[in-house]
């Protein structure tokens, strides 16, 4: 059976009243970098239904309704800014709002791991366009952010320590890594929204401890054969906590990067720090991180 995460730790321990509250704020260059890439995720999803935190083979049995509604919402939001007709803009705004509230209602009924994961994906995709929204869209953005946090908490606390044997090794890995990446991505979106709204975000031990698989080539493997070929000579697990990953990168122990990992590094260390560190490293050998900065 495939392990989903580390030994489960209660979110109440990590987020409860005994946890110290550390307020942080991103510098403008880092904030702009993250916001630009998050909006790029939405644009990619609107064009072809793909996003870096949604594995291409995750929903092989069919696209969940939440994501179908998210696709309608994302396309409507893009059309708001490309249409010059005010009447059309109003129709697109209504379509976006209607689909968003449908997703909110569906997410409140989510119980299974699959339902919570699909809801988390959908909530992220419709919240990202509202990160820089005005006061008229603030109630919807607040409702989405609150529900996104609830879904991630329920997904983490309710996730089984092992996935069923009915899934193949690759299917189990895709589901487990999708959950891990969804929770990490959701907290990045929530932190960015908090900074936009109040000028800072709250850093927690929970986010520092969030694990993911650092073997990005497994996520990008084009099919079962390529995936199994990649895992033949590797350990069964390469789970690393977020903070541990950034420390490993800073020591030079991590050489493999994708857009997801690069975004995590920039969010933690700042865009300027990552660029400066990689510039020094590039003096000795090339680094693929430059493809994403």
C-alpha atoms as a PDB file:
ATOM      1  CA  UNK A   1       0.000   0.000   0.000  1.00  0.00           C
ATOM      2  CA  UNK A   2       1.180   3.522  -0.797  1.00  0.00           C
ATOM      3  CA  UNK A   3       1.659   5.908   2.144  1.00  0.00           C
ATOM      4  CA  UNK A   4      -0.153   9.219   1.709  1.00  0.00           C
ATOM      5  CA  UNK A   5       1.900  11.401   4.029  1.00  0.00           C
ATOM      6  CA  UNK A   6       3.900  11.398   7.196  1.00  0.00           C
ATOM      7  CA  UNK A   7       2.360   9.962  10.361  1.00  0.00           C
ATOM      8  CA  UNK A   8      -0.792  12.091  10.671  1.00  0.00           C
ATOM      9  CA  UNK A   9      -0.393  15.140  12.886  1.00  0.00           C
ATOM     10  CA  UNK A  10      -3.500  16.856  14.142  1.00  0.00           C
ATOM     11  CA  UNK A  11      -4.032  20.291  12.635  1.00  0.00           C
ATOM     12  CA  UNK A  12      -5.280  21.386  16.054  1.00  0.00           C
ATOM     13  CA  UNK A  13      -1.777  20.826  17.412  1.00  0.00           C
ATOM     14  CA  UNK A  14      -0.234  22.817  14.559  1.00  0.00           C
ATOM     15  CA  UNK A  15      -2.852  25.549  14.209  1.00  0.00           C
ATOM     16  CA  UNK A  16      -4.397  25.653  17.685  1.00  0.00           C
ATOM     17  CA  UNK A  17      -4.168  28.471  20.242  1.00  0.00           C
ATOM     18  CA  UNK A  18      -0.824  27.206  21.592  1.00  0.00           C
ATOM     19  CA  UNK A  19       0.859  27.744  18.211  1.00  0.00           C
ATOM     20  CA  UNK A  20       2.800  31.020  18.011  1.00  0.00           C
ATOM     21  CA  UNK A  21       1.531  33.434  15.375  1.00  0.00           C
ATOM     22  CA  UNK A  22       4.268  34.691  13.087  1.00  0.00           C
ATOM     23  CA  UNK A  23       3.227  37.487  10.744  1.00  0.00           C
ATOM     24  CA  UNK A  24       5.206  37.827   7.516  1.00  0.00           C
ATOM     25  CA  UNK A  25       4.923  39.880   4.339  1.00  0.00           C
ATOM     26  CA  UNK A  26       6.352  39.216   0.884  1.00  0.00           C
ATOM     27  CA  UNK A  27       8.348  41.906  -0.880  1.00  0.00           C
ATOM     28  CA  UNK A  28       6.784  43.382  -3.996  1.00  0.00           C
ATOM     29  CA  UNK A  29       8.970  41.514  -6.510  1.00  0.00           C
ATOM     30  CA  UNK A  30       8.265  38.160  -4.861  1.00  0.00           C
ATOM     31  CA  UNK A  31       4.554  38.886  -4.571  1.00  0.00           C
ATOM     32  CA  UNK A  32       4.344  39.912  -8.240  1.00  0.00           C
ATOM     33  CA  UNK A  33       6.235  36.781  -9.297  1.00  0.00           C
ATOM     34  CA  UNK A  34       3.918  34.450  -7.381  1.00  0.00           C
ATOM     35  CA  UNK A  35       0.757  36.250  -8.451  1.00  0.00           C
ATOM     36  CA  UNK A  36       1.852  36.187 -12.095  1.00  0.00           C
ATOM     37  CA  UNK A  37       2.475  32.437 -11.995  1.00  0.00           C
ATOM     38  CA  UNK A  38      -0.782  31.712 -10.165  1.00  0.00           C
ATOM     39  CA  UNK A  39      -2.703  33.656 -12.794  1.00  0.00           C
ATOM     40  CA  UNK A  40      -0.801  31.672 -15.404  1.00  0.00           C
ATOM     41  CA  UNK A  41      -2.122  28.482 -13.803  1.00  0.00           C
ATOM     42  CA  UNK A  42      -5.694  29.752 -14.245  1.00  0.00           C
ATOM     43  CA  UNK A  43      -5.049  30.783 -17.857  1.00  0.00           C
ATOM     44  CA  UNK A  44      -3.603  27.336 -18.594  1.00  0.00           C
ATOM     45  CA  UNK A  45      -6.615  25.660 -17.013  1.00  0.00           C
ATOM     46  CA  UNK A  46      -9.035  27.864 -18.956  1.00  0.00           C
ATOM     47  CA  UNK A  47      -7.292  26.982 -22.238  1.00  0.00           C
ATOM     48  CA  UNK A  48      -6.784  23.239 -21.855  1.00  0.00           C
ATOM     49  CA  UNK A  49      -8.040  22.108 -18.440  1.00  0.00           C
ATOM     50  CA  UNK A  50      -4.495  21.678 -17.103  1.00  0.00           C
ATOM     51  CA  UNK A  51      -2.728  23.197 -14.076  1.00  0.00           C
ATOM     52  CA  UNK A  52       0.634  22.326 -12.437  1.00  0.00           C
ATOM     53  CA  UNK A  53      -1.082  21.093  -9.270  1.00  0.00           C
ATOM     54  CA  UNK A  54      -3.511  18.840 -11.178  1.00  0.00           C
ATOM     55  CA  UNK A  55      -1.864  15.702 -12.559  1.00  0.00           C
ATOM     56  CA  UNK A  56      -2.826  14.881 -16.144  1.00  0.00           C
ATOM     57  CA  UNK A  57      -3.881  11.349 -15.148  1.00  0.00           C
ATOM     58  CA  UNK A  58      -5.536  12.104 -11.812  1.00  0.00           C
ATOM     59  CA  UNK A  59      -9.160  12.098 -12.963  1.00  0.00           C
ATOM     60  CA  UNK A  60      -8.984   9.259 -15.472  1.00  0.00           C
ATOM     61  CA  UNK A  61     -12.529   8.076 -14.767  1.00  0.00           C
ATOM     62  CA  UNK A  62     -14.023  11.472 -15.562  1.00  0.00           C
ATOM     63  CA  UNK A  63     -13.740  15.152 -14.684  1.00  0.00           C
ATOM     64  CA  UNK A  64     -15.554  15.964 -11.406  1.00  0.00           C
ATOM     65  CA  UNK A  65     -18.401  18.463 -11.593  1.00  0.00           C
ATOM     66  CA  UNK A  66     -16.480  20.917  -9.408  1.00  0.00           C
ATOM     67  CA  UNK A  67     -13.737  21.151 -12.035  1.00  0.00           C
ATOM     68  CA  UNK A  68     -16.217  21.402 -14.882  1.00  0.00           C
ATOM     69  CA  UNK A  69     -17.787  24.373 -13.077  1.00  0.00           C
ATOM     70  CA  UNK A  70     -14.311  25.802 -12.400  1.00  0.00           C
ATOM     71  CA  UNK A  71     -13.528  25.605 -16.123  1.00  0.00           C
ATOM     72  CA  UNK A  72     -16.700  27.576 -16.905  1.00  0.00           C
ATOM     73  CA  UNK A  73     -15.820  30.128 -14.215  1.00  0.00           C
ATOM     74  CA  UNK A  74     -12.200  30.573 -15.328  1.00  0.00           C
ATOM     75  CA  UNK A  75     -13.172  31.024 -18.971  1.00  0.00           C
ATOM     76  CA  UNK A  76     -15.877  33.509 -17.985  1.00  0.00           C
ATOM     77  CA  UNK A  77     -13.410  35.518 -15.903  1.00  0.00           C
ATOM     78  CA  UNK A  78     -10.916  35.653 -18.777  1.00  0.00           C
ATOM     79  CA  UNK A  79     -13.664  36.837 -21.128  1.00  0.00           C
ATOM     80  CA  UNK A  80     -14.573  39.660 -18.740  1.00  0.00           C
ATOM     81  CA  UNK A  81     -11.215  41.262 -19.486  1.00  0.00           C
ATOM     82  CA  UNK A  82     -11.100  40.507 -23.208  1.00  0.00           C
ATOM     83  CA  UNK A  83     -14.606  41.643 -24.154  1.00  0.00           C
ATOM     84  CA  UNK A  84     -15.191  45.325 -24.918  1.00  0.00           C
ATOM     85  CA  UNK A  85     -18.972  44.988 -24.762  1.00  0.00           C
ATOM     86  CA  UNK A  86     -20.337  45.977 -21.334  1.00  0.00           C
ATOM     87  CA  UNK A  87     -23.391  43.771 -21.760  1.00  0.00           C
ATOM     88  CA  UNK A  88     -21.191  40.761 -22.488  1.00  0.00           C
ATOM     89  CA  UNK A  89     -18.965  41.633 -19.541  1.00  0.00           C
ATOM     90  CA  UNK A  90     -22.004  41.612 -17.257  1.00  0.00           C
ATOM     91  CA  UNK A  91     -23.050  38.180 -18.536  1.00  0.00           C
ATOM     92  CA  UNK A  92     -19.539  36.815 -17.962  1.00  0.00           C
ATOM     93  CA  UNK A  93     -19.492  38.252 -14.421  1.00  0.00           C
ATOM     94  CA  UNK A  94     -22.800  36.557 -13.667  1.00  0.00           C
ATOM     95  CA  UNK A  95     -21.511  33.270 -15.103  1.00  0.00           C
ATOM     96  CA  UNK A  96     -18.366  33.473 -12.979  1.00  0.00           C
ATOM     97  CA  UNK A  97     -20.302  34.250  -9.803  1.00  0.00           C
ATOM     98  CA  UNK A  98     -22.929  31.556 -10.455  1.00  0.00           C
ATOM     99  CA  UNK A  99     -20.307  28.853 -11.086  1.00  0.00           C
ATOM    100  CA  UNK A 100     -18.291  29.991  -8.049  1.00  0.00           C
ATOM    101  CA  UNK A 101     -21.257  29.727  -5.691  1.00  0.00           C
ATOM    102  CA  UNK A 102     -22.110  26.304  -7.153  1.00  0.00           C
ATOM    103  CA  UNK A 103     -18.567  25.157  -6.341  1.00  0.00           C
ATOM    104  CA  UNK A 104     -18.875  26.586  -2.831  1.00  0.00           C
ATOM    105  CA  UNK A 105     -22.083  24.628  -2.243  1.00  0.00           C
ATOM    106  CA  UNK A 106     -20.597  21.398  -3.638  1.00  0.00           C
ATOM    107  CA  UNK A 107     -17.440  21.732  -1.543  1.00  0.00           C
ATOM    108  CA  UNK A 108     -19.461  21.975   1.664  1.00  0.00           C
ATOM    109  CA  UNK A 109     -20.934  18.543   0.902  1.00  0.00           C
ATOM    110  CA  UNK A 110     -17.571  16.921   0.094  1.00  0.00           C
ATOM    111  CA  UNK A 111     -16.759  13.928   2.298  1.00  0.00           C
ATOM    112  CA  UNK A 112     -14.458  11.490   0.492  1.00  0.00           C
ATOM    113  CA  UNK A 113     -10.798  12.161  -0.252  1.00  0.00           C
ATOM    114  CA  UNK A 114     -11.562  12.410  -3.980  1.00  0.00           C
ATOM    115  CA  UNK A 115     -14.388  14.924  -3.382  1.00  0.00           C
ATOM    116  CA  UNK A 116     -12.240  17.048  -1.072  1.00  0.00           C
ATOM    117  CA  UNK A 117      -9.359  17.019  -3.547  1.00  0.00           C
ATOM    118  CA  UNK A 118     -11.580  18.062  -6.466  1.00  0.00           C
ATOM    119  CA  UNK A 119     -13.145  20.793  -4.313  1.00  0.00           C
ATOM    120  CA  UNK A 120      -9.723  22.074  -3.268  1.00  0.00           C
ATOM    121  CA  UNK A 121      -8.597  22.223  -6.896  1.00  0.00           C
ATOM    122  CA  UNK A 122     -11.761  24.049  -7.968  1.00  0.00           C
ATOM    123  CA  UNK A 123     -11.726  26.524  -5.065  1.00  0.00           C
ATOM    124  CA  UNK A 124      -8.106  27.444  -5.771  1.00  0.00           C
ATOM    125  CA  UNK A 125      -8.771  28.021  -9.455  1.00  0.00           C
ATOM    126  CA  UNK A 126     -11.664  30.419  -8.860  1.00  0.00           C
ATOM    127  CA  UNK A 127     -10.046  32.220  -5.912  1.00  0.00           C
ATOM    128  CA  UNK A 128      -6.832  33.056  -7.796  1.00  0.00           C
ATOM    129  CA  UNK A 129      -8.567  35.494 -10.233  1.00  0.00           C
ATOM    130  CA  UNK A 130      -9.962  37.336  -7.201  1.00  0.00           C
ATOM    131  CA  UNK A 131      -6.603  37.845  -5.440  1.00  0.00           C
ATOM    132  CA  UNK A 132      -6.507  41.447  -6.622  1.00  0.00           C
ATOM    133  CA  UNK A 133     -10.263  41.986  -6.576  1.00  0.00           C
ATOM    134  CA  UNK A 134     -12.027  45.130  -5.433  1.00  0.00           C
ATOM    135  CA  UNK A 135     -14.502  45.532  -2.609  1.00  0.00           C
ATOM    136  CA  UNK A 136     -17.481  44.391  -4.710  1.00  0.00           C
ATOM    137  CA  UNK A 137     -15.952  40.893  -5.055  1.00  0.00           C
ATOM    138  CA  UNK A 138     -14.558  40.716  -1.511  1.00  0.00           C
ATOM    139  CA  UNK A 139     -17.510  38.767   0.038  1.00  0.00           C
ATOM    140  CA  UNK A 140     -17.145  36.013  -2.576  1.00  0.00           C
ATOM    141  CA  UNK A 141     -13.356  35.934  -2.222  1.00  0.00           C
ATOM    142  CA  UNK A 142     -13.668  35.705   1.580  1.00  0.00           C
ATOM    143  CA  UNK A 143     -16.162  32.857   1.316  1.00  0.00           C
ATOM    144  CA  UNK A 144     -13.924  30.979  -1.118  1.00  0.00           C
ATOM    145  CA  UNK A 145     -10.793  31.420   1.006  1.00  0.00           C
ATOM    146  CA  UNK A 146     -12.547  30.272   4.185  1.00  0.00           C
ATOM    147  CA  UNK A 147     -13.931  27.190   2.451  1.00  0.00           C
ATOM    148  CA  UNK A 148     -10.574  26.426   0.825  1.00  0.00           C
ATOM    149  CA  UNK A 149      -8.942  26.383   4.256  1.00  0.00           C
ATOM    150  CA  UNK A 150     -11.682  24.086   5.603  1.00  0.00           C
ATOM    151  CA  UNK A 151     -11.226  21.653   2.708  1.00  0.00           C
ATOM    152  CA  UNK A 152      -7.453  21.465   3.121  1.00  0.00           C
ATOM    153  CA  UNK A 153      -7.826  20.876   6.861  1.00  0.00           C
ATOM    154  CA  UNK A 154     -10.408  18.140   6.324  1.00  0.00           C
ATOM    155  CA  UNK A 155      -8.312  16.553   3.592  1.00  0.00           C
ATOM    156  CA  UNK A 156      -5.211  16.440   5.789  1.00  0.00           C
ATOM    157  CA  UNK A 157      -6.925  15.312   8.991  1.00  0.00           C
ATOM    158  CA  UNK A 158      -9.119  12.770   7.201  1.00  0.00           C
ATOM    159  CA  UNK A 159      -6.527  11.325   4.836  1.00  0.00           C
ATOM    160  CA  UNK A 160      -5.892   7.602   5.422  1.00  0.00           C
ATOM    161  CA  UNK A 161      -2.306   6.635   6.321  1.00  0.00           C
ATOM    162  CA  UNK A 162      -2.364   4.189   3.374  1.00  0.00           C
ATOM    163  CA  UNK A 163      -4.228   4.071   0.069  1.00  0.00           C
ATOM    164  CA  UNK A 164      -6.206   0.994  -1.065  1.00  0.00           C
ATOM    165  CA  UNK A 165      -4.602  -1.922  -2.868  1.00  0.00           C
ATOM    166  CA  UNK A 166      -7.138  -1.522  -5.685  1.00  0.00           C
ATOM    167  CA  UNK A 167      -4.967   1.313  -7.024  1.00  0.00           C
ATOM    168  CA  UNK A 168      -1.819   0.510  -8.962  1.00  0.00           C
ATOM    169  CA  UNK A 169       1.469   1.788  -7.557  1.00  0.00           C
ATOM    170  CA  UNK A 170       1.445   4.650 -10.044  1.00  0.00           C
ATOM    171  CA  UNK A 171      -2.209   5.533  -9.443  1.00  0.00           C
ATOM    172  CA  UNK A 172      -1.650   5.559  -5.694  1.00  0.00           C
ATOM    173  CA  UNK A 173       1.408   7.782  -6.056  1.00  0.00           C
ATOM    174  CA  UNK A 174      -0.469  10.218  -8.324  1.00  0.00           C
ATOM    175  CA  UNK A 175      -3.344  10.512  -5.850  1.00  0.00           C
ATOM    176  CA  UNK A 176      -1.068  10.869  -2.813  1.00  0.00           C
ATOM    177  CA  UNK A 177       1.194  13.439  -4.465  1.00  0.00           C
ATOM    178  CA  UNK A 178      -1.842  15.330  -5.791  1.00  0.00           C
ATOM    179  CA  UNK A 179      -3.165  15.674  -2.241  1.00  0.00           C
ATOM    180  CA  UNK A 180       0.196  16.857  -0.962  1.00  0.00           C
ATOM    181  CA  UNK A 181       0.681  19.389  -3.776  1.00  0.00           C
ATOM    182  CA  UNK A 182      -2.911  20.608  -3.482  1.00  0.00           C
ATOM    183  CA  UNK A 183      -2.474  21.414   0.215  1.00  0.00           C
ATOM    184  CA  UNK A 184       0.834  23.201  -0.403  1.00  0.00           C
ATOM    185  CA  UNK A 185      -0.607  25.162  -3.335  1.00  0.00           C
ATOM    186  CA  UNK A 186      -3.744  26.060  -1.389  1.00  0.00           C
ATOM    187  CA  UNK A 187      -1.728  27.543   1.459  1.00  0.00           C
ATOM    188  CA  UNK A 188       0.294  29.566  -1.050  1.00  0.00           C
ATOM    189  CA  UNK A 189      -2.933  30.951  -2.541  1.00  0.00           C
ATOM    190  CA  UNK A 190      -4.407  31.631   0.915  1.00  0.00           C
ATOM    191  CA  UNK A 191      -1.233  33.358   2.071  1.00  0.00           C
ATOM    192  CA  UNK A 192      -1.185  35.549  -1.020  1.00  0.00           C
ATOM    193  CA  UNK A 193      -4.830  36.495  -0.525  1.00  0.00           C
ATOM    194  CA  UNK A 194      -4.200  37.301   3.153  1.00  0.00           C
ATOM    195  CA  UNK A 195      -1.321  39.610   2.218  1.00  0.00           C
ATOM    196  CA  UNK A 196      -3.436  41.380  -0.388  1.00  0.00           C
ATOM    197  CA  UNK A 197      -6.290  41.801   2.073  1.00  0.00           C
ATOM    198  CA  UNK A 198      -4.440  42.736   5.274  1.00  0.00           C
ATOM    199  CA  UNK A 199      -0.822  43.360   4.303  1.00  0.00           C
ATOM    200  CA  UNK A 200       0.599  40.175   5.844  1.00  0.00           C
ATOM    201  CA  UNK A 201       0.067  36.426   6.101  1.00  0.00           C
ATOM    202  CA  UNK A 202       0.411  34.139   9.121  1.00  0.00           C
ATOM    203  CA  UNK A 203       3.245  31.630   8.936  1.00  0.00           C
ATOM    204  CA  UNK A 204       2.596  28.312  10.724  1.00  0.00           C
ATOM    205  CA  UNK A 205       4.529  25.197  11.653  1.00  0.00           C
ATOM    206  CA  UNK A 206       1.942  23.254   9.660  1.00  0.00           C
ATOM    207  CA  UNK A 207       3.065  24.774   6.362  1.00  0.00           C
ATOM    208  CA  UNK A 208       6.749  24.238   7.215  1.00  0.00           C
ATOM    209  CA  UNK A 209       6.103  20.550   7.836  1.00  0.00           C
ATOM    210  CA  UNK A 210       3.986  19.879   4.729  1.00  0.00           C
ATOM    211  CA  UNK A 211       5.597  17.028   2.755  1.00  0.00           C
ATOM    212  CA  UNK A 212       5.847  16.403  -0.965  1.00  0.00           C
ATOM    213  CA  UNK A 213       7.845  14.138  -3.264  1.00  0.00           C
ATOM    214  CA  UNK A 214      10.920  15.999  -4.499  1.00  0.00           C
ATOM    215  CA  UNK A 215      11.253  13.734  -7.567  1.00  0.00           C
ATOM    216  CA  UNK A 216       9.620  16.142 -10.009  1.00  0.00           C
ATOM    217  CA  UNK A 217      10.464  13.874 -12.953  1.00  0.00           C
ATOM    218  CA  UNK A 218       7.882  11.377 -11.649  1.00  0.00           C
ATOM    219  CA  UNK A 219       5.164  14.032 -11.824  1.00  0.00           C
ATOM    220  CA  UNK A 220       6.128  14.819 -15.416  1.00  0.00           C
ATOM    221  CA  UNK A 221       6.580  11.196 -16.576  1.00  0.00           C
ATOM    222  CA  UNK A 222       4.402  10.870 -19.730  1.00  0.00           C
ATOM    223  CA  UNK A 223       2.917   7.437 -18.981  1.00  0.00           C
ATOM    224  CA  UNK A 224       3.023   4.253 -16.885  1.00  0.00           C
ATOM    225  CA  UNK A 225       6.089   2.818 -18.629  1.00  0.00           C
ATOM    226  CA  UNK A 226       8.127   6.015 -18.212  1.00  0.00           C
ATOM    227  CA  UNK A 227       6.969   6.353 -14.592  1.00  0.00           C
ATOM    228  CA  UNK A 228       7.997   2.792 -13.676  1.00  0.00           C
ATOM    229  CA  UNK A 229      11.266   3.243 -15.540  1.00  0.00           C
ATOM    230  CA  UNK A 230      12.020   6.288 -13.374  1.00  0.00           C
ATOM    231  CA  UNK A 231      11.260   4.410 -10.149  1.00  0.00           C
ATOM    232  CA  UNK A 232      13.196   1.214 -10.931  1.00  0.00           C
ATOM    233  CA  UNK A 233      16.404   2.290  -9.239  1.00  0.00           C
ATOM    234  CA  UNK A 234      14.955   4.682  -6.682  1.00  0.00           C
ATOM    235  CA  UNK A 235      13.723   4.428  -3.117  1.00  0.00           C
ATOM    236  CA  UNK A 236       9.998   3.900  -2.636  1.00  0.00           C
ATOM    237  CA  UNK A 237       9.584   7.321  -1.080  1.00  0.00           C
ATOM    238  CA  UNK A 238      11.319  10.683  -1.316  1.00  0.00           C
ATOM    239  CA  UNK A 239       8.947  12.670   0.890  1.00  0.00           C
ATOM    240  CA  UNK A 240      10.490  15.869   2.165  1.00  0.00           C
ATOM    241  CA  UNK A 241       8.982  18.625   4.311  1.00  0.00           C
ATOM    242  CA  UNK A 242       8.680  22.095   2.794  1.00  0.00           C
ATOM    243  CA  UNK A 243      11.202  23.666   5.175  1.00  0.00           C
ATOM    244  CA  UNK A 244      13.547  20.695   4.806  1.00  0.00           C
ATOM    245  CA  UNK A 245      13.365  21.014   1.000  1.00  0.00           C
ATOM    246  CA  UNK A 246      14.337  24.700   1.040  1.00  0.00           C
ATOM    247  CA  UNK A 247      17.236  23.966   3.409  1.00  0.00           C
ATOM    248  CA  UNK A 248      18.414  21.117   1.144  1.00  0.00           C
ATOM    249  CA  UNK A 249      18.265  23.421  -1.873  1.00  0.00           C
ATOM    250  CA  UNK A 250      20.256  26.104  -0.089  1.00  0.00           C
ATOM    251  CA  UNK A 251      22.961  23.545   0.782  1.00  0.00           C
ATOM    252  CA  UNK A 252      23.086  22.419  -2.844  1.00  0.00           C
ATOM    253  CA  UNK A 253      21.659  18.963  -2.094  1.00  0.00           C
ATOM    254  CA  UNK A 254      18.736  19.351  -4.532  1.00  0.00           C
ATOM    255  CA  UNK A 255      19.486  19.767  -8.230  1.00  0.00           C
ATOM    256  CA  UNK A 256      16.167  18.802  -9.843  1.00  0.00           C
ATOM    257  CA  UNK A 257      13.558  21.525 -10.295  1.00  0.00           C
ATOM    258  CA  UNK A 258      10.208  22.056 -11.918  1.00  0.00           C
ATOM    259  CA  UNK A 259       7.886  25.091 -11.905  1.00  0.00           C
ATOM    260  CA  UNK A 260       6.131  23.821  -8.762  1.00  0.00           C
ATOM    261  CA  UNK A 261       9.358  23.511  -6.764  1.00  0.00           C
ATOM    262  CA  UNK A 262      10.641  26.849  -8.015  1.00  0.00           C
ATOM    263  CA  UNK A 263       7.459  28.575  -6.889  1.00  0.00           C
ATOM    264  CA  UNK A 264       7.844  27.011  -3.435  1.00  0.00           C
ATOM    265  CA  UNK A 265      11.426  28.262  -3.182  1.00  0.00           C
ATOM    266  CA  UNK A 266      10.516  31.802  -4.239  1.00  0.00           C
ATOM    267  CA  UNK A 267       7.587  31.910  -1.806  1.00  0.00           C
ATOM    268  CA  UNK A 268       9.859  30.848   1.054  1.00  0.00           C
ATOM    269  CA  UNK A 269      13.171  32.568   0.252  1.00  0.00           C
ATOM    270  CA  UNK A 270      12.097  35.521  -1.970  1.00  0.00           C
ATOM    271  CA  UNK A 271      12.656  35.995  -5.671  1.00  0.00           C
ATOM    272  CA  UNK A 272      15.828  38.046  -5.169  1.00  0.00           C
ATOM    273  CA  UNK A 273      17.420  35.464  -2.857  1.00  0.00           C
ATOM    274  CA  UNK A 274      16.690  32.555  -5.216  1.00  0.00           C
ATOM    275  CA  UNK A 275      18.016  34.458  -8.231  1.00  0.00           C
ATOM    276  CA  UNK A 276      21.198  35.474  -6.387  1.00  0.00           C
ATOM    277  CA  UNK A 277      21.774  31.948  -5.061  1.00  0.00           C
ATOM    278  CA  UNK A 278      21.270  30.373  -8.481  1.00  0.00           C
ATOM    279  CA  UNK A 279      23.546  32.944 -10.106  1.00  0.00           C
ATOM    280  CA  UNK A 280      26.380  31.869  -7.801  1.00  0.00           C
ATOM    281  CA  UNK A 281      25.634  28.205  -8.468  1.00  0.00           C
ATOM    282  CA  UNK A 282      25.542  28.810 -12.231  1.00  0.00           C
ATOM    283  CA  UNK A 283      29.137  30.002 -12.049  1.00  0.00           C
ATOM    284  CA  UNK A 284      30.101  26.363 -11.368  1.00  0.00           C
ATOM    285  CA  UNK A 285      27.435  24.462 -13.319  1.00  0.00           C
ATOM    286  CA  UNK A 286      24.151  25.105 -15.093  1.00  0.00           C
ATOM    287  CA  UNK A 287      20.896  24.817 -13.177  1.00  0.00           C
ATOM    288  CA  UNK A 288      17.495  24.096 -14.687  1.00  0.00           C
ATOM    289  CA  UNK A 289      15.788  26.441 -12.233  1.00  0.00           C
ATOM    290  CA  UNK A 290      16.592  29.292 -14.633  1.00  0.00           C
ATOM    291  CA  UNK A 291      13.927  27.878 -16.920  1.00  0.00           C
ATOM    292  CA  UNK A 292      11.278  28.975 -14.422  1.00  0.00           C
ATOM    293  CA  UNK A 293      12.570  32.273 -13.025  1.00  0.00           C
END
